[in-house]
Amino acid sequence: MLLKINQGIPSDTQNHYNELLSKREAENITSNEYRELLNLTEQIEKLQAQRIEYLAELARLRGISLIALMENLGIQTQMYV
């Protein structure tokens, strides 16, 4: 389960996502690129949700809270403002 939790977003996907974000921030993104950005965002959100599900299951198996498990594993939460 730890392997699944630690599995990150593929680097090529992350790099492409970052490139599209930069284009959007620079207001230099085409409509096709914007659609691709939306699709990548959805894929990444699904991967992150799956990771949280794995973390919650591991916390349940260990009999501790999700926050405690994340602290034990050194996983930082991300704040979006």
Protein backbone atom coordinates (compact mmCIF):
# COMPACT_ATOMS: atom_id res chain seq x y z
CA MET A 1 0.00 0.00 0.00
CA LEU A 2 2.92 2.33 0.69
CA LEU A 3 4.06 1.92 -2.90
CA LYS A 4 0.66 3.08 -4.11
CA ILE A 5 0.70 6.01 -1.68
CA ASN A 6 4.18 7.09 -2.77
CA GLN A 7 3.49 6.70 -6.48
CA GLY A 8 3.60 10.19 -7.89
CA ILE A 9 2.35 11.79 -11.04
CA PRO A 10 4.53 10.71 -13.98
CA SER A 11 7.23 13.34 -14.56
CA ASP A 12 6.34 13.88 -18.22
CA THR A 13 2.70 14.49 -17.26
CA GLN A 14 3.73 16.87 -14.46
CA ASN A 15 6.10 18.75 -16.77
CA HIS A 16 3.46 19.14 -19.47
CA TYR A 17 0.91 20.23 -16.88
CA ASN A 18 3.35 22.86 -15.57
CA GLU A 19 3.99 24.12 -19.11
CA LEU A 20 0.27 24.51 -19.74
CA LEU A 21 -0.18 26.29 -16.40
CA SER A 22 2.58 28.72 -17.33
CA LYS A 23 0.93 29.41 -20.68
CA ARG A 24 -2.41 30.01 -18.99
CA GLU A 25 -0.85 32.36 -16.43
CA ALA A 26 0.86 34.25 -19.27
CA GLU A 27 -2.50 34.35 -21.06
CA ASN A 28 -0.84 32.67 -24.03
CA ILE A 29 -2.78 29.40 -24.20
CA THR A 30 -4.78 28.11 -27.15
CA SER A 31 -8.26 26.67 -26.75
CA ASN A 32 -6.93 23.16 -27.47
CA GLU A 33 -4.19 23.57 -24.87
CA TYR A 34 -6.76 24.85 -22.38
CA ARG A 35 -8.93 21.77 -22.92
CA GLU A 36 -5.85 19.62 -22.46
CA LEU A 37 -5.06 21.49 -19.23
CA LEU A 38 -8.56 20.81 -17.96
CA ASN A 39 -8.22 17.10 -18.80
CA LEU A 40 -4.83 16.86 -17.10
CA THR A 41 -6.19 18.68 -14.05
CA GLU A 42 -9.00 16.13 -13.79
CA GLN A 43 -6.57 13.21 -14.13
CA ILE A 44 -4.25 14.63 -11.45
CA GLU A 45 -7.16 15.29 -9.08
CA LYS A 46 -8.31 11.68 -9.50
CA LEU A 47 -4.81 10.40 -8.73
CA GLN A 48 -4.64 12.59 -5.64
CA ALA A 49 -8.07 11.43 -4.47
CA GLN A 50 -6.98 7.80 -4.89
CA ARG A 51 -3.87 8.53 -2.85
CA ILE A 52 -5.99 9.97 -0.03
CA GLU A 53 -8.15 6.84 -0.11
CA TYR A 54 -5.04 4.67 0.28
CA LEU A 55 -3.81 6.88 3.12
CA ALA A 56 -7.19 6.67 4.87
CA GLU A 57 -7.20 2.89 4.56
CA LEU A 58 -3.68 2.63 5.96
CA ALA A 59 -4.62 4.94 8.84
CA ARG A 60 -7.63 2.74 9.58
CA LEU A 61 -5.46 -0.39 9.55
CA ARG A 62 -2.99 1.24 11.94
CA GLY A 63 -5.77 2.58 14.17
CA ILE A 64 -4.67 6.21 13.91
CA SER A 65 -6.09 9.34 12.36
CA LEU A 66 -5.33 10.32 8.79
CA ILE A 67 -3.54 13.46 10.00
CA ALA A 68 -1.39 11.42 12.40
CA LEU A 69 -0.50 8.98 9.62
CA MET A 70 0.46 11.79 7.27
CA GLU A 71 2.63 13.35 9.97
CA ASN A 72 4.28 9.96 10.65
CA LEU A 73 5.03 9.54 6.94
CA GLY A 74 6.21 13.14 6.54
CA ILE A 75 3.47 13.96 4.03
CA GLN A 76 2.71 17.65 3.79
CA THR A 77 -0.79 18.84 3.09
CA GLN A 78 -1.18 21.38 0.30
CA MET A 79 -3.13 24.54 0.92
CA TYR A 80 -4.89 26.11 -2.04
CA VAL A 81 -6.00 29.67 -1.56
